[in-house]
Amino acid sequence: MTAETVARWDAFLGKLRGRVDETLAQAEEGCAMLLDVNGLDPQPMTIAWMAIETQLHELTQKVDQTWEAKVEPALEGTPGVEAEREKGDALRRDIERQKDALEVRMFADAARKIYAQAKANLARDQKCAQCGAAMKLGQAFFRSRHLTCSFCTNVNTFVPGSLISSVEYFCCHHLAREKSAPQWAAWLAAEHGPRAQAEAALKAYATAYLNARIEIVPEYAADFEKDLKGKMAFFFER
């Protein structure tokens, strides 16, 4: 009975692994398509990804549900029961790692496409509302801005479109996540270790992330200390 239970448990975990791999592959292709068909608007793919995360969560819940309802009772008191439990725990951890890696890669790829198009749009000359002279906006124009025309001195208010403004609320976050991924991994490894080491690892990650955002949106530099404190606040509250 024990061998049969272990075999069925292995088969279940293998089947679930296959469903997760299929879901992730479809998610990567589908989200990229949503970005393109919606004119580089990241909102539809973001909503789709949230639904995919729910699907993956439901799949991983089946590991614990199946273990508690069917496998553990059948193996109770037998040697190796903890090793069988670890199989399920290892699969859940691996699924979480895969999901996180795909999310970072997929959204960073989307951010690069949006950012490239935003820079192309910014490279186009804008016209002074009064005299029609060409005005350069620059490559870091993601917020409303007043520019004085060098010809007639008229003050023009330029408001970025939705694609350009998405650089600040979407692109810089996901590109910063990608760039600071090594520091994030180091923080996860140190999180439950000695407190001083965990704090240092978290600060290194938060610093790398915030500096990566500043490279894209220089205005964030003014709030660096406040943002750093905000990203670390949970650590000191627990």
Protein backbone atom coordinates (compact mmCIF):
# COMPACT_ATOMS: atom_id res chain seq x y z
CA MET A 1 0.00 0.00 0.00
CA THR A 2 2.87 2.36 0.85
CA ALA A 3 4.62 1.86 -2.50
CA GLU A 4 1.33 2.35 -4.33
CA THR A 5 0.60 5.56 -2.39
CA VAL A 6 4.08 6.94 -3.12
CA ALA A 7 3.70 6.10 -6.81
CA ARG A 8 0.33 7.85 -6.96
CA TRP A 9 1.76 10.85 -5.10
CA ASP A 10 4.67 11.08 -7.55
CA ALA A 11 2.28 10.83 -10.49
CA PHE A 12 0.08 13.56 -9.04
CA LEU A 13 3.03 15.90 -8.49
CA GLY A 14 4.30 15.21 -12.00
CA LYS A 15 0.92 15.94 -13.52
CA LEU A 16 0.59 19.16 -11.53
CA ARG A 17 4.09 20.19 -12.60
CA GLY A 18 3.03 19.70 -16.22
CA ARG A 19 -0.05 21.87 -15.77
CA VAL A 20 2.03 24.63 -14.19
CA ASP A 21 4.58 24.54 -17.02
CA GLU A 22 1.77 24.73 -19.57
CA THR A 23 0.10 27.62 -17.72
CA LEU A 24 3.34 29.60 -17.53
CA ALA A 25 4.13 29.04 -21.20
CA GLN A 26 0.66 30.20 -22.23
CA ALA A 27 0.92 33.18 -19.89
CA GLU A 28 4.18 34.38 -21.41
CA GLU A 29 2.86 34.17 -24.95
CA GLY A 30 -0.58 35.55 -24.13
CA CYS A 31 0.60 38.53 -22.10
CA ALA A 32 3.07 39.57 -24.79
CA MET A 33 0.28 39.40 -27.35
CA LEU A 34 -2.03 41.49 -25.15
CA LEU A 35 0.61 44.21 -24.92
CA ASP A 36 0.95 44.39 -28.70
CA VAL A 37 -2.74 44.25 -29.62
CA ASN A 38 -3.53 46.97 -27.07
CA GLY A 39 -1.06 49.47 -28.47
CA LEU A 40 1.54 48.95 -25.69
CA ASP A 41 -1.01 49.67 -22.95
CA PRO A 42 0.27 47.50 -20.05
CA GLN A 43 -3.04 47.38 -18.17
CA PRO A 44 -4.65 44.43 -20.03
CA MET A 45 -1.59 42.22 -19.61
CA THR A 46 -1.35 43.22 -15.94
CA ILE A 47 -4.96 42.17 -15.35
CA ALA A 48 -4.38 38.91 -17.23
CA TRP A 49 -1.32 38.16 -15.13
CA MET A 50 -3.31 38.64 -11.93
CA ALA A 51 -5.75 35.97 -13.15
CA ILE A 52 -2.83 33.66 -13.96
CA GLU A 53 -1.40 34.16 -10.47
CA THR A 54 -4.76 33.08 -9.07
CA GLN A 55 -4.68 29.93 -11.23
CA LEU A 56 -1.18 29.10 -10.04
CA HIS A 57 -2.15 29.67 -6.42
CA GLU A 58 -5.08 27.29 -6.81
CA LEU A 59 -2.78 24.67 -8.34
CA THR A 60 -0.25 24.91 -5.53
CA GLN A 61 -3.05 24.64 -2.96
CA LYS A 62 -3.86 21.23 -4.42
CA VAL A 63 -0.47 20.00 -3.17
CA ASP A 64 -1.37 20.61 0.48
CA GLN A 65 -4.97 19.49 0.00
CA THR A 66 -3.97 16.19 -1.60
CA TRP A 67 -1.25 15.55 0.94
CA GLU A 68 -3.51 16.17 3.93
CA ALA A 69 -6.56 14.33 2.56
CA LYS A 70 -5.00 11.31 0.88
CA VAL A 71 -1.26 10.88 1.16
CA GLU A 72 -0.41 11.62 4.79
CA PRO A 73 -3.17 9.39 6.22
CA ALA A 74 -2.03 6.50 4.02
CA LEU A 75 1.64 6.95 5.00
CA GLU A 76 1.15 7.74 8.68
CA GLY A 77 3.67 5.91 10.84
CA THR A 78 5.75 4.66 7.92
CA PRO A 79 9.45 5.45 7.35
CA GLY A 80 10.14 8.20 4.86
CA VAL A 81 6.90 10.13 5.39
CA GLU A 82 8.81 13.40 5.86
CA ALA A 83 10.70 12.83 2.61
CA GLU A 84 7.38 12.48 0.79
CA ARG A 85 6.08 15.64 2.40
CA GLU A 86 9.22 17.45 1.25
CA LYS A 87 8.47 16.47 -2.35
CA GLY A 88 5.32 18.56 -2.22
CA ASP A 89 7.00 21.43 -0.39
CA ALA A 90 9.84 21.46 -2.93
CA LEU A 91 7.38 21.59 -5.81
CA ARG A 92 5.51 24.54 -4.27
CA ARG A 93 8.78 26.44 -3.75
CA ASP A 94 9.89 25.70 -7.31
CA ILE A 95 6.57 26.89 -8.74
CA GLU A 96 6.88 30.14 -6.78
CA ARG A 97 10.42 30.66 -8.07
CA GLN A 98 9.33 29.98 -11.64
CA LYS A 99 6.37 32.33 -11.34
CA ASP A 100 8.49 35.15 -9.92
CA ALA A 101 11.21 34.70 -12.55
CA LEU A 102 8.66 34.79 -15.37
CA GLU A 103 6.91 37.84 -13.94
CA VAL A 104 10.16 39.80 -13.72
CA ARG A 105 11.32 38.79 -17.21
CA MET A 106 7.96 39.23 -18.92
CA PHE A 107 7.15 42.63 -17.45
CA ALA A 108 10.70 43.89 -17.98
CA ASP A 109 10.45 42.89 -21.65
CA ALA A 110 7.15 44.78 -21.88
CA ALA A 111 8.69 47.79 -20.14
CA ARG A 112 11.57 47.86 -22.62
CA LYS A 113 9.15 47.95 -25.56
CA ILE A 114 7.10 50.75 -24.00
CA TYR A 115 10.19 52.73 -22.99
CA ALA A 116 11.69 52.48 -26.48
CA GLN A 117 8.49 53.77 -28.06
CA ALA A 118 8.22 56.55 -25.47
CA LYS A 119 11.75 57.73 -26.28
CA ALA A 120 10.93 57.63 -29.99
CA ASN A 121 7.86 59.78 -29.33
CA LEU A 122 9.88 62.21 -27.24
CA ALA A 123 12.45 62.57 -30.01
CA ARG A 124 9.83 64.17 -32.24
CA ASP A 125 9.71 67.95 -32.28
CA GLN A 126 6.86 69.62 -30.46
CA LYS A 127 5.49 72.96 -31.66
CA CYS A 128 5.19 76.15 -29.70
CA ALA A 129 1.50 76.95 -29.31
CA GLN A 130 2.09 80.63 -30.12
CA CYS A 131 4.69 80.80 -32.90
CA GLY A 132 4.89 77.19 -34.08
CA ALA A 133 8.64 76.91 -33.53
CA ALA A 134 10.04 73.44 -32.92
CA MET A 135 10.77 72.57 -29.28
CA LYS A 136 12.73 69.60 -27.97
CA LEU A 137 11.27 67.88 -24.93
CA GLY A 138 14.25 65.74 -23.96
CA GLN A 139 14.38 62.05 -23.10
CA ALA A 140 13.25 62.27 -19.47
CA PHE A 141 9.89 63.93 -19.96
CA PHE A 142 7.34 61.76 -18.19
CA ARG A 143 5.40 64.41 -16.26
CA SER A 144 3.61 67.60 -17.25
CA ARG A 145 6.13 70.35 -17.85
CA HIS A 146 6.32 74.06 -18.69
CA LEU A 147 8.79 74.97 -21.43
CA THR A 148 9.64 78.46 -22.62
CA CYS A 149 9.95 78.91 -26.37
CA SER A 150 13.39 80.26 -27.25
CA PHE A 151 11.93 82.26 -30.15
CA CYS A 152 8.86 84.03 -28.77
CA THR A 153 9.30 83.30 -24.99
CA ASN A 154 5.79 81.87 -24.80
CA VAL A 155 5.44 79.41 -21.92
CA ASN A 156 4.07 76.12 -23.23
CA THR A 157 2.55 73.40 -21.07
CA PHE A 158 3.25 69.94 -22.42
CA VAL A 159 1.31 66.98 -21.02
CA PRO A 160 2.70 63.53 -21.86
CA GLY A 161 0.35 60.99 -23.41
CA SER A 162 -0.57 57.74 -21.71
CA LEU A 163 2.28 55.78 -23.30
CA ILE A 164 4.94 58.25 -22.20
CA SER A 165 3.49 58.64 -18.71
CA SER A 166 3.48 54.83 -18.30
CA VAL A 167 7.28 54.99 -18.22
CA GLU A 168 7.05 56.42 -14.70
CA TYR A 169 4.33 54.21 -13.22
CA PHE A 170 5.16 50.98 -15.10
CA CYS A 171 8.49 50.86 -16.90
CA CYS A 172 10.80 52.18 -14.21
CA HIS A 173 9.37 49.75 -11.62
CA HIS A 174 9.71 46.63 -13.73
CA LEU A 175 13.09 47.53 -15.19
CA ALA A 176 14.33 48.30 -11.67
CA ARG A 177 13.03 44.94 -10.45
CA GLU A 178 14.98 43.20 -13.19
CA LYS A 179 18.18 45.14 -12.53
CA SER A 180 18.02 44.54 -8.77
CA ALA A 181 17.09 40.83 -9.09
CA PRO A 182 20.47 39.61 -7.71
CA GLN A 183 20.08 41.78 -4.61
CA TRP A 184 16.49 40.55 -4.22
CA ALA A 185 17.69 36.93 -4.31
CA ALA A 186 20.35 37.73 -1.71
CA TRP A 187 17.70 39.32 0.53
CA LEU A 188 15.46 36.25 0.28
CA ALA A 189 18.40 34.04 1.22
CA ALA A 190 19.24 36.24 4.22
CA GLU A 191 15.69 37.03 5.33
CA HIS A 192 15.44 34.39 8.06
CA GLY A 193 19.09 34.51 9.10
CA PRO A 194 20.84 36.78 11.63
CA ARG A 195 18.95 40.06 11.86
CA ALA A 196 21.94 42.29 11.09
CA GLN A 197 22.72 40.36 7.92
CA ALA A 198 19.07 40.38 6.87
CA GLU A 199 18.85 44.15 7.38
CA ALA A 200 22.00 44.72 5.33
CA ALA A 201 20.71 42.51 2.51
CA LEU A 202 17.35 44.28 2.46
CA LYS A 203 19.03 47.69 2.40
CA ALA A 204 21.27 46.59 -0.47
CA TYR A 205 18.26 45.44 -2.46
CA ALA A 206 16.19 48.56 -1.73
CA THR A 207 19.12 50.81 -2.64
CA ALA A 208 19.76 48.98 -5.92
CA TYR A 209 16.07 49.08 -6.82
CA LEU A 210 15.64 52.78 -6.05
CA ASN A 211 18.83 53.78 -7.88
CA ALA A 212 17.68 51.82 -10.93
CA ARG A 213 14.41 53.80 -10.91
CA ILE A 214 16.31 57.08 -10.64
CA GLU A 215 18.30 56.21 -13.76
CA ILE A 216 15.03 56.35 -15.70
CA VAL A 217 13.11 59.05 -13.79
CA PRO A 218 15.67 61.46 -12.27
CA GLU A 219 12.97 63.25 -10.22
CA TYR A 220 12.85 60.24 -7.90
CA ALA A 221 16.29 61.19 -6.53
CA ALA A 222 14.73 63.90 -4.37
CA ASP A 223 12.70 61.28 -2.47
CA PHE A 224 15.43 58.63 -2.18
CA GLU A 225 15.78 58.67 1.61
CA LYS A 226 12.03 58.70 2.15
CA ASP A 227 11.50 55.85 -0.32
CA LEU A 228 14.33 53.83 1.22
CA LYS A 229 12.79 54.19 4.65
CA GLY A 230 9.41 53.18 3.22
CA LYS A 231 10.74 50.03 1.57
CA MET A 232 12.43 48.93 4.81
CA ALA A 233 9.68 49.91 7.25
CA PHE A 234 8.12 46.43 7.40
CA PHE A 235 11.45 44.95 8.52
CA PHE A 236 11.58 47.11 11.65
CA GLU A 237 7.90 46.59 12.44
CA ARG A 238 7.98 42.83 12.61
